[in-house]
Amino acid sequence: WVLGTLVPMGNLERAHSYKDKKARGLPADFG
């Protein structure tokens, strides 16, 4: 949580794991 308070949203939006799984139709949940 402490680390997350400093994390830019843009970093997470361009993370390969997130983009790849979204492209394969997996649920785009918080986890």
Full PDB file with SEQRES, HELIX, SHEET, SSBOND, CRYST1, ORIGX, SCALE, CONECT and MASTER records, all heavy atoms in Angstrom:
SEQRES   1 A   31  TRP VAL LEU GLY THR LEU VAL PRO MET GLY ASN LEU GLU          
SEQRES   2 A   31  ARG ALA HIS SER TYR LYS ASP LYS LYS ALA ARG GLY LEU          
SEQRES   3 A   31  PRO ALA ASP PHE GLY                                          
HELIX    1 AA1 LEU A    3  LEU A    6  5                                   4    
HELIX    2 AA2 MET A    9  GLU A   13  1                                   5    
HELIX    3 AA3 HIS A   16  ALA A   23  1                                   8    
CRYST1    1.000    1.000    1.000  90.00  90.00  90.00 P 1           1          
ORIGX1      1.000000  0.000000  0.000000        0.00000                         
ORIGX2      0.000000  1.000000  0.000000        0.00000                         
ORIGX3      0.000000  0.000000  1.000000        0.00000                         
SCALE1      1.000000  0.000000  0.000000        0.00000                         
SCALE2      0.000000  1.000000  0.000000        0.00000                         
SCALE3      0.000000  0.000000  1.000000        0.00000                         
ATOM      1  N   TRP A   1       0.819  -1.207   0.000  1.00  0.00           N  
ATOM      2  CA  TRP A   1       0.000   0.000   0.000  1.00  0.00           C  
ATOM      3  C   TRP A   1       0.857   1.264   0.000  1.00  0.00           C  
ATOM      4  O   TRP A   1       0.618   2.200  -0.775  1.00  0.00           O  
ATOM      5  CB  TRP A   1      -0.953   0.027   1.197  1.00  0.00           C  
ATOM      6  CG  TRP A   1      -1.745   1.304   1.214  1.00  0.00           C  
ATOM      7  CD1 TRP A   1      -1.571   2.377   2.019  1.00  0.00           C  
ATOM      8  CD2 TRP A   1      -2.820   1.617   0.325  1.00  0.00           C  
ATOM      9  NE1 TRP A   1      -2.475   3.358   1.701  1.00  0.00           N  
ATOM     10  CE2 TRP A   1      -3.252   2.929   0.657  1.00  0.00           C  
ATOM     11  CE3 TRP A   1      -3.455   0.938  -0.708  1.00  0.00           C  
ATOM     12  CZ2 TRP A   1      -4.294   3.560  -0.005  1.00  0.00           C  
ATOM     13  CZ3 TRP A   1      -4.496   1.572  -1.373  1.00  0.00           C  
ATOM     14  CH2 TRP A   1      -4.901   2.862  -1.028  1.00  0.00           C  
ATOM     15  N   VAL A   2       1.873   1.286   0.860  1.00  0.00           N  
ATOM     16  CA  VAL A   2       2.736   2.467   0.945  1.00  0.00           C  
ATOM     17  C   VAL A   2       3.386   2.742  -0.403  1.00  0.00           C  
ATOM     18  O   VAL A   2       3.408   3.884  -0.889  1.00  0.00           O  
ATOM     19  CB  VAL A   2       3.800   2.283   2.042  1.00  0.00           C  
ATOM     20  CG1 VAL A   2       4.869   3.370   1.957  1.00  0.00           C  
ATOM     21  CG2 VAL A   2       3.152   2.290   3.423  1.00  0.00           C  
ATOM     22  N   LEU A   3       3.911   1.713  -1.026  1.00  0.00           N  
ATOM     23  CA  LEU A   3       4.535   1.876  -2.334  1.00  0.00           C  
ATOM     24  C   LEU A   3       3.509   2.333  -3.371  1.00  0.00           C  
ATOM     25  O   LEU A   3       3.792   3.203  -4.211  1.00  0.00           O  
ATOM     26  CB  LEU A   3       5.169   0.547  -2.759  1.00  0.00           C  
ATOM     27  CG  LEU A   3       6.173   0.577  -3.902  1.00  0.00           C  
ATOM     28  CD1 LEU A   3       7.386   1.426  -3.544  1.00  0.00           C  
ATOM     29  CD2 LEU A   3       6.601  -0.843  -4.250  1.00  0.00           C  
ATOM     30  N   GLY A   4       2.311   1.764  -3.293  1.00  0.00           N  
ATOM     31  CA  GLY A   4       1.276   2.101  -4.264  1.00  0.00           C  
ATOM     32  C   GLY A   4       0.858   3.559  -4.248  1.00  0.00           C  
ATOM     33  O   GLY A   4       0.379   4.084  -5.262  1.00  0.00           O  
ATOM     34  N   THR A   5       1.052   4.245  -3.114  1.00  0.00           N  
ATOM     35  CA  THR A   5       0.679   5.660  -3.057  1.00  0.00           C  
ATOM     36  C   THR A   5       1.570   6.529  -3.933  1.00  0.00           C  
ATOM     37  O   THR A   5       1.241   7.691  -4.195  1.00  0.00           O  
ATOM     38  CB  THR A   5       0.743   6.193  -1.605  1.00  0.00           C  
ATOM     39  OG1 THR A   5       2.082   6.121  -1.124  1.00  0.00           O  
ATOM     40  CG2 THR A   5      -0.199   5.406  -0.696  1.00  0.00           C  
ATOM     41  N   LEU A   6       2.687   5.967  -4.402  1.00  0.00           N  
ATOM     42  CA  LEU A   6       3.618   6.717  -5.244  1.00  0.00           C  
ATOM     43  C   LEU A   6       3.629   6.250  -6.702  1.00  0.00           C  
ATOM     44  O   LEU A   6       4.335   6.827  -7.525  1.00  0.00           O  
ATOM     45  CB  LEU A   6       5.040   6.577  -4.688  1.00  0.00           C  
ATOM     46  CG  LEU A   6       5.309   7.205  -3.317  1.00  0.00           C  
ATOM     47  CD1 LEU A   6       6.636   6.707  -2.767  1.00  0.00           C  
ATOM     48  CD2 LEU A   6       5.319   8.714  -3.422  1.00  0.00           C  
ATOM     49  N   VAL A   7       2.851   5.234  -7.016  1.00  0.00           N  
ATOM     50  CA  VAL A   7       2.920   4.628  -8.345  1.00  0.00           C  
ATOM     51  C   VAL A   7       2.046   5.393  -9.341  1.00  0.00           C  
ATOM     52  O   VAL A   7       0.838   5.543  -9.119  1.00  0.00           O  
ATOM     53  CB  VAL A   7       2.479   3.151  -8.294  1.00  0.00           C  
ATOM     54  CG1 VAL A   7       2.325   2.584  -9.703  1.00  0.00           C  
ATOM     55  CG2 VAL A   7       3.488   2.328  -7.506  1.00  0.00           C  
ATOM     56  N   PRO A   8       2.623   5.872 -10.450  1.00  0.00           N  
ATOM     57  CA  PRO A   8       1.823   6.556 -11.474  1.00  0.00           C  
ATOM     58  C   PRO A   8       0.880   5.583 -12.186  1.00  0.00           C  
ATOM     59  O   PRO A   8       1.282   4.470 -12.544  1.00  0.00           O  
ATOM     60  CB  PRO A   8       2.878   7.095 -12.448  1.00  0.00           C  
ATOM     61  CG  PRO A   8       4.173   7.050 -11.699  1.00  0.00           C  
ATOM     62  CD  PRO A   8       4.062   5.892 -10.759  1.00  0.00           C  
ATOM     63  N   MET A   9      -0.342   6.003 -12.398  1.00  0.00           N  
ATOM     64  CA  MET A   9      -1.310   5.163 -13.101  1.00  0.00           C  
ATOM     65  C   MET A   9      -0.814   4.787 -14.491  1.00  0.00           C  
ATOM     66  O   MET A   9      -1.051   3.685 -14.976  1.00  0.00           O  
ATOM     67  CB  MET A   9      -2.642   5.900 -13.205  1.00  0.00           C  
ATOM     68  CG  MET A   9      -3.377   6.045 -11.890  1.00  0.00           C  
ATOM     69  SD  MET A   9      -4.197   4.513 -11.407  1.00  0.00           S  
ATOM     70  CE  MET A   9      -5.562   4.510 -12.564  1.00  0.00           C  
ATOM     71  N   GLY A  10      -0.108   5.732 -15.120  1.00  0.00           N  
ATOM     72  CA  GLY A  10       0.367   5.467 -16.480  1.00  0.00           C  
ATOM     73  C   GLY A  10       1.285   4.270 -16.557  1.00  0.00           C  
ATOM     74  O   GLY A  10       1.279   3.536 -17.553  1.00  0.00           O  
ATOM     75  N   ASN A  11       2.095   4.051 -15.506  1.00  0.00           N  
ATOM     76  CA  ASN A  11       2.971   2.870 -15.482  1.00  0.00           C  
ATOM     77  C   ASN A  11       2.143   1.592 -15.546  1.00  0.00           C  
ATOM     78  O   ASN A  11       2.449   0.659 -16.304  1.00  0.00           O  
ATOM     79  CB  ASN A  11       3.812   2.849 -14.219  1.00  0.00           C  
ATOM     80  CG  ASN A  11       4.955   3.842 -14.213  1.00  0.00           C  
ATOM     81  OD1 ASN A  11       5.623   4.014 -13.209  1.00  0.00           O  
ATOM     82  ND2 ASN A  11       5.205   4.534 -15.314  1.00  0.00           N  
ATOM     83  N   LEU A  12       1.104   1.537 -14.719  1.00  0.00           N  
ATOM     84  CA  LEU A  12       0.291   0.329 -14.648  1.00  0.00           C  
ATOM     85  C   LEU A  12      -0.489   0.100 -15.934  1.00  0.00           C  
ATOM     86  O   LEU A  12      -0.686  -1.034 -16.364  1.00  0.00           O  
ATOM     87  CB  LEU A  12      -0.654   0.403 -13.449  1.00  0.00           C  
ATOM     88  CG  LEU A  12       0.028   0.553 -12.085  1.00  0.00           C  
ATOM     89  CD1 LEU A  12      -1.011   0.578 -10.974  1.00  0.00           C  
ATOM     90  CD2 LEU A  12       1.026  -0.568 -11.841  1.00  0.00           C  
ATOM     91  N   GLU A  13      -0.921   1.175 -16.554  1.00  0.00           N  
ATOM     92  CA  GLU A  13      -1.704   1.049 -17.789  1.00  0.00           C  
ATOM     93  C   GLU A  13      -0.883   0.508 -18.946  1.00  0.00           C  
ATOM     94  O   GLU A  13      -1.431  -0.106 -19.861  1.00  0.00           O  
ATOM     95  CB  GLU A  13      -2.300   2.408 -18.156  1.00  0.00           C  
ATOM     96  CG  GLU A  13      -3.436   2.833 -17.229  1.00  0.00           C  
ATOM     97  CD  GLU A  13      -3.847   4.283 -17.410  1.00  0.00           C  
ATOM     98  OE1 GLU A  13      -3.080   5.034 -18.074  1.00  0.00           O  
ATOM     99  OE2 GLU A  13      -4.912   4.672 -16.904  1.00  0.00           O  
ATOM    100  N   ARG A  14       0.423   0.728 -18.887  1.00  0.00           N  
ATOM    101  CA  ARG A  14       1.258   0.216 -19.991  1.00  0.00           C  
ATOM    102  C   ARG A  14       2.062  -1.020 -19.600  1.00  0.00           C  
ATOM    103  O   ARG A  14       2.942  -1.454 -20.345  1.00  0.00           O  
ATOM    104  CB  ARG A  14       2.179   1.307 -20.524  1.00  0.00           C  
ATOM    105  CG  ARG A  14       3.194   1.849 -19.564  1.00  0.00           C  
ATOM    106  CD  ARG A  14       3.945   3.026 -20.204  1.00  0.00           C  
ATOM    107  NE  ARG A  14       4.914   3.637 -19.311  1.00  0.00           N  
ATOM    108  CZ  ARG A  14       6.163   3.234 -19.178  1.00  0.00           C  
ATOM    109  NH1 ARG A  14       6.608   2.204 -19.882  1.00  0.00           N  
ATOM    110  NH2 ARG A  14       6.981   3.846 -18.350  1.00  0.00           N  
ATOM    111  N   ALA A  15       1.754  -1.611 -18.455  1.00  0.00           N  
ATOM    112  CA  ALA A  15       2.434  -2.842 -18.046  1.00  0.00           C  
ATOM    113  C   ALA A  15       2.110  -3.965 -19.029  1.00  0.00           C  
ATOM    114  O   ALA A  15       0.951  -4.181 -19.394  1.00  0.00           O  
ATOM    115  CB  ALA A  15       2.011  -3.237 -16.635  1.00  0.00           C  
ATOM    116  N   HIS A  16       3.138  -4.699 -19.449  1.00  0.00           N  
ATOM    117  CA  HIS A  16       2.945  -5.749 -20.455  1.00  0.00           C  
ATOM    118  C   HIS A  16       1.935  -6.800 -19.999  1.00  0.00           C  
ATOM    119  O   HIS A  16       1.096  -7.252 -20.781  1.00  0.00           O  
ATOM    120  CB  HIS A  16       4.278  -6.434 -20.780  1.00  0.00           C  
ATOM    121  CG  HIS A  16       5.280  -5.537 -21.426  1.00  0.00           C  
ATOM    122  ND1 HIS A  16       4.925  -4.536 -22.308  1.00  0.00           N  
ATOM    123  CD2 HIS A  16       6.637  -5.482 -21.324  1.00  0.00           C  
ATOM    124  CE1 HIS A  16       6.025  -3.922 -22.718  1.00  0.00           C  
ATOM    125  NE2 HIS A  16       7.071  -4.470 -22.137  1.00  0.00           N  
ATOM    126  N   SER A  17       2.028  -7.204 -18.728  1.00  0.00           N  
ATOM    127  CA  SER A  17       1.144  -8.271 -18.249  1.00  0.00           C  
ATOM    128  C   SER A  17      -0.312  -7.847 -18.332  1.00  0.00           C  
ATOM    129  O   SER A  17      -1.183  -8.634 -18.732  1.00  0.00           O  
ATOM    130  CB  SER A  17       1.497  -8.639 -16.801  1.00  0.00           C  
ATOM    131  OG  SER A  17       1.358  -7.513 -15.950  1.00  0.00           O  
ATOM    132  N   TYR A  18      -0.590  -6.604 -17.972  1.00  0.00           N  
ATOM    133  CA  TYR A  18      -1.963  -6.084 -18.014  1.00  0.00           C  
ATOM    134  C   TYR A  18      -2.462  -5.979 -19.453  1.00  0.00           C  
ATOM    135  O   TYR A  18      -3.559  -6.450 -19.794  1.00  0.00           O  
ATOM    136  CB  TYR A  18      -1.983  -4.714 -17.329  1.00  0.00           C  
ATOM    137  CG  TYR A  18      -3.308  -3.982 -17.400  1.00  0.00           C  
ATOM    138  CD1 TYR A  18      -4.419  -4.462 -16.722  1.00  0.00           C  
ATOM    139  CD2 TYR A  18      -3.432  -2.810 -18.139  1.00  0.00           C  
ATOM    140  CE1 TYR A  18      -5.638  -3.787 -16.780  1.00  0.00           C  
ATOM    141  CE2 TYR A  18      -4.630  -2.127 -18.199  1.00  0.00           C  
ATOM    142  CZ  TYR A  18      -5.732  -2.621 -17.515  1.00  0.00           C  
ATOM    143  OH  TYR A  18      -6.921  -1.959 -17.573  1.00  0.00           O  
ATOM    144  N   LYS A  19      -1.649  -5.403 -20.322  1.00  0.00           N  
ATOM    145  CA  LYS A  19      -2.057  -5.218 -21.717  1.00  0.00           C  
ATOM    146  C   LYS A  19      -2.252  -6.566 -22.423  1.00  0.00           C  
ATOM    147  O   LYS A  19      -3.201  -6.748 -23.181  1.00  0.00           O  
ATOM    148  CB  LYS A  19      -1.014  -4.379 -22.452  1.00  0.00           C  
ATOM    149  CG  LYS A  19      -0.978  -2.918 -21.992  1.00  0.00           C  
ATOM    150  CD  LYS A  19       0.233  -2.179 -22.536  1.00  0.00           C  
ATOM    151  CE  LYS A  19       0.174  -2.031 -24.044  1.00  0.00           C  
ATOM    152  NZ  LYS A  19       1.315  -1.247 -24.549  1.00  0.00           N  
ATOM    153  N   ASP A  20      -1.350  -7.500 -22.137  1.00  0.00           N  
ATOM    154  CA  ASP A  20      -1.423  -8.809 -22.784  1.00  0.00           C  
ATOM    155  C   ASP A  20      -2.682  -9.569 -22.367  1.00  0.00           C  
ATOM    156  O   ASP A  20      -3.396 -10.117 -23.215  1.00  0.00           O  
ATOM    157  CB  ASP A  20      -0.178  -9.626 -22.430  1.00  0.00           C  
ATOM    158  CG  ASP A  20      -0.248 -11.050 -22.943  1.00  0.00           C  
ATOM    159  OD1 ASP A  20      -0.328 -11.233 -24.169  1.00  0.00           O  
ATOM    160  OD2 ASP A  20      -0.236 -11.984 -22.116  1.00  0.00           O  
ATOM    161  N   LYS A  21      -2.968  -9.577 -21.068  1.00  0.00           N  
ATOM    162  CA  LYS A  21      -4.121 -10.336 -20.594  1.00  0.00           C  
ATOM    163  C   LYS A  21      -5.433  -9.683 -21.012  1.00  0.00           C  
ATOM    164  O   LYS A  21      -6.417 -10.369 -21.301  1.00  0.00           O  
ATOM    165  CB  LYS A  21      -4.026 -10.526 -19.089  1.00  0.00           C  
ATOM    166  CG  LYS A  21      -2.903 -11.493 -18.725  1.00  0.00           C  
ATOM    167  CD  LYS A  21      -2.730 -11.686 -17.235  1.00  0.00           C  
ATOM    168  CE  LYS A  21      -1.576 -12.648 -16.980  1.00  0.00           C  
ATOM    169  NZ  LYS A  21      -1.299 -12.833 -15.549  1.00  0.00           N  
ATOM    170  N   LYS A  22      -5.457  -8.362 -21.040  1.00  0.00           N  
ATOM    171  CA  LYS A  22      -6.644  -7.674 -21.547  1.00  0.00           C  
ATOM    172  C   LYS A  22      -6.884  -8.028 -23.009  1.00  0.00           C  
ATOM    173  O   LYS A  22      -8.008  -8.273 -23.438  1.00  0.00           O  
ATOM    174  CB  LYS A  22      -6.475  -6.162 -21.404  1.00  0.00           C  
ATOM    175  CG  LYS A  22      -7.047  -5.573 -20.135  1.00  0.00           C  
ATOM    176  CD  LYS A  22      -7.144  -4.081 -20.207  1.00  0.00           C  
ATOM    177  CE  LYS A  22      -8.274  -3.651 -21.123  1.00  0.00           C  
ATOM    178  NZ  LYS A  22      -8.451  -2.186 -21.146  1.00  0.00           N  
ATOM    179  N   ALA A  23      -5.791  -8.069 -23.789  1.00  0.00           N  
ATOM    180  CA  ALA A  23      -5.906  -8.388 -25.219  1.00  0.00           C  
ATOM    181  C   ALA A  23      -6.435  -9.796 -25.437  1.00  0.00           C  
ATOM    182  O   ALA A  23      -7.081 -10.073 -26.447  1.00  0.00           O  
ATOM    183  CB  ALA A  23      -4.543  -8.230 -25.897  1.00  0.00           C  
ATOM    184  N   ARG A  24      -6.171 -10.695 -24.453  1.00  0.00           N  
ATOM    185  CA  ARG A  24      -6.666 -12.073 -24.566  1.00  0.00           C  
ATOM    186  C   ARG A  24      -8.040 -12.249 -23.940  1.00  0.00           C  
ATOM    187  O   ARG A  24      -8.525 -13.361 -23.798  1.00  0.00           O  
ATOM    188  CB  ARG A  24      -5.658 -13.038 -23.932  1.00  0.00           C  
ATOM    189  CG  ARG A  24      -4.364 -13.133 -24.722  1.00  0.00           C  
ATOM    190  CD  ARG A  24      -3.516 -14.328 -24.314  1.00  0.00           C  
ATOM    191  NE  ARG A  24      -2.765 -14.094 -23.088  1.00  0.00           N  
ATOM    192  CZ  ARG A  24      -2.907 -14.815 -21.996  1.00  0.00           C  
ATOM    193  NH1 ARG A  24      -3.798 -15.790 -21.932  1.00  0.00           N  
ATOM    194  NH2 ARG A  24      -2.177 -14.564 -20.933  1.00  0.00           N  
ATOM    195  N   GLY A  25      -8.652 -11.128 -23.532  1.00  0.00           N  
ATOM    196  CA  GLY A  25     -10.025 -11.179 -23.043  1.00  0.00           C  
ATOM    197  C   GLY A  25     -10.186 -11.530 -21.590  1.00  0.00           C  
ATOM    198  O   GLY A  25     -11.295 -11.825 -21.139  1.00  0.00           O  
ATOM    199  N   LEU A  26      -9.081 -11.512 -20.808  1.00  0.00           N  
ATOM    200  CA  LEU A  26      -9.188 -11.815 -19.385  1.00  0.00           C  
ATOM    201  C   LEU A  26      -9.742 -10.604 -18.627  1.00  0.00           C  
ATOM    202  O   LEU A  26      -9.575  -9.465 -19.062  1.00  0.00           O  
ATOM    203  CB  LEU A  26      -7.815 -12.193 -18.824  1.00  0.00           C  
ATOM    204  CG  LEU A  26      -7.219 -13.478 -19.398  1.00  0.00           C  
ATOM    205  CD1 LEU A  26      -5.817 -13.698 -18.871  1.00  0.00           C  
ATOM    206  CD2 LEU A  26      -8.095 -14.676 -19.075  1.00  0.00           C  
ATOM    207  N   PRO A  27     -10.424 -10.825 -17.509  1.00  0.00           N  
ATOM    208  CA  PRO A  27     -11.030  -9.712 -16.765  1.00  0.00           C  
ATOM    209  C   PRO A  27      -9.978  -8.684 -16.322  1.00  0.00           C  
ATOM    210  O   PRO A  27      -8.927  -9.045 -15.804  1.00  0.00           O  
ATOM    211  CB  PRO A  27     -11.663 -10.392 -15.533  1.00  0.00           C  
ATOM    212  CG  PRO A  27     -11.820 -11.818 -15.924  1.00  0.00           C  
ATOM    213  CD  PRO A  27     -10.712 -12.124 -16.876  1.00  0.00           C  
ATOM    214  N   ALA A  28     -10.284  -7.422 -16.548  1.00  0.00           N  
ATOM    215  CA  ALA A  28      -9.364  -6.346 -16.183  1.00  0.00           C  
ATOM    216  C   ALA A  28      -9.689  -5.859 -14.779  1.00  0.00           C  
ATOM    217  O   ALA A  28     -10.154  -4.735 -14.586  1.00  0.00           O  
ATOM    218  CB  ALA A  28      -9.452  -5.207 -17.193  1.00  0.00           C  
ATOM    219  N   ASP A  29      -9.477  -6.703 -13.777  1.00  0.00           N  
ATOM    220  CA  ASP A  29      -9.808  -6.333 -12.407  1.00  0.00           C  
ATOM    221  C   ASP A  29      -8.606  -5.686 -11.720  1.00  0.00           C  
ATOM    222  O   ASP A  29      -7.514  -5.591 -12.280  1.00  0.00           O  
ATOM    223  CB  ASP A  29     -10.318  -7.542 -11.621  1.00  0.00           C  
ATOM    224  CG  ASP A  29      -9.364  -8.730 -11.686  1.00  0.00           C  
ATOM    225  OD1 ASP A  29      -8.151  -8.502 -11.872  1.00  0.00           O  
ATOM    226  OD2 ASP A  29      -9.826  -9.876 -11.547  1.00  0.00           O  
ATOM    227  N   PHE A  30      -8.817  -5.242 -10.482  1.00  0.00           N  
ATOM    228  CA  PHE A  30      -7.776  -4.519  -9.757  1.00  0.00           C  
ATOM    229  C   PHE A  30      -6.543  -5.378  -9.542  1.00  0.00           C  
ATOM    230  O   PHE A  30      -5.409  -4.903  -9.645  1.00  0.00           O  
ATOM    231  CB  PHE A  30      -8.320  -4.034  -8.403  1.00  0.00           C  
ATOM    232  CG  PHE A  30      -7.271  -3.430  -7.519  1.00  0.00           C  
ATOM    233  CD1 PHE A  30      -6.811  -2.140  -7.737  1.00  0.00           C  
ATOM    234  CD2 PHE A  30      -6.712  -4.162  -6.477  1.00  0.00           C  
ATOM    235  CE1 PHE A  30      -5.824  -1.588  -6.936  1.00  0.00           C  
ATOM    236  CE2 PHE A  30      -5.723  -3.613  -5.669  1.00  0.00           C  
ATOM    237  CZ  PHE A  30      -5.281  -2.319  -5.899  1.00  0.00           C  
ATOM    238  N   GLY A  31      -6.737  -6.656  -9.222  1.00  0.00           N  
ATOM    239  CA  GLY A  31      -5.600  -7.535  -8.963  1.00  0.00           C  
ATOM    240  C   GLY A  31      -4.664  -7.610 -10.146  1.00  0.00           C  
ATOM    241  O   GLY A  31      -3.434  -7.562  -9.995  1.00  0.00           O  
TER     242      GLY A  31                                                      
MASTER        0    0    0    3    0    0    0    6  241    1    0    3          
END                                                                             
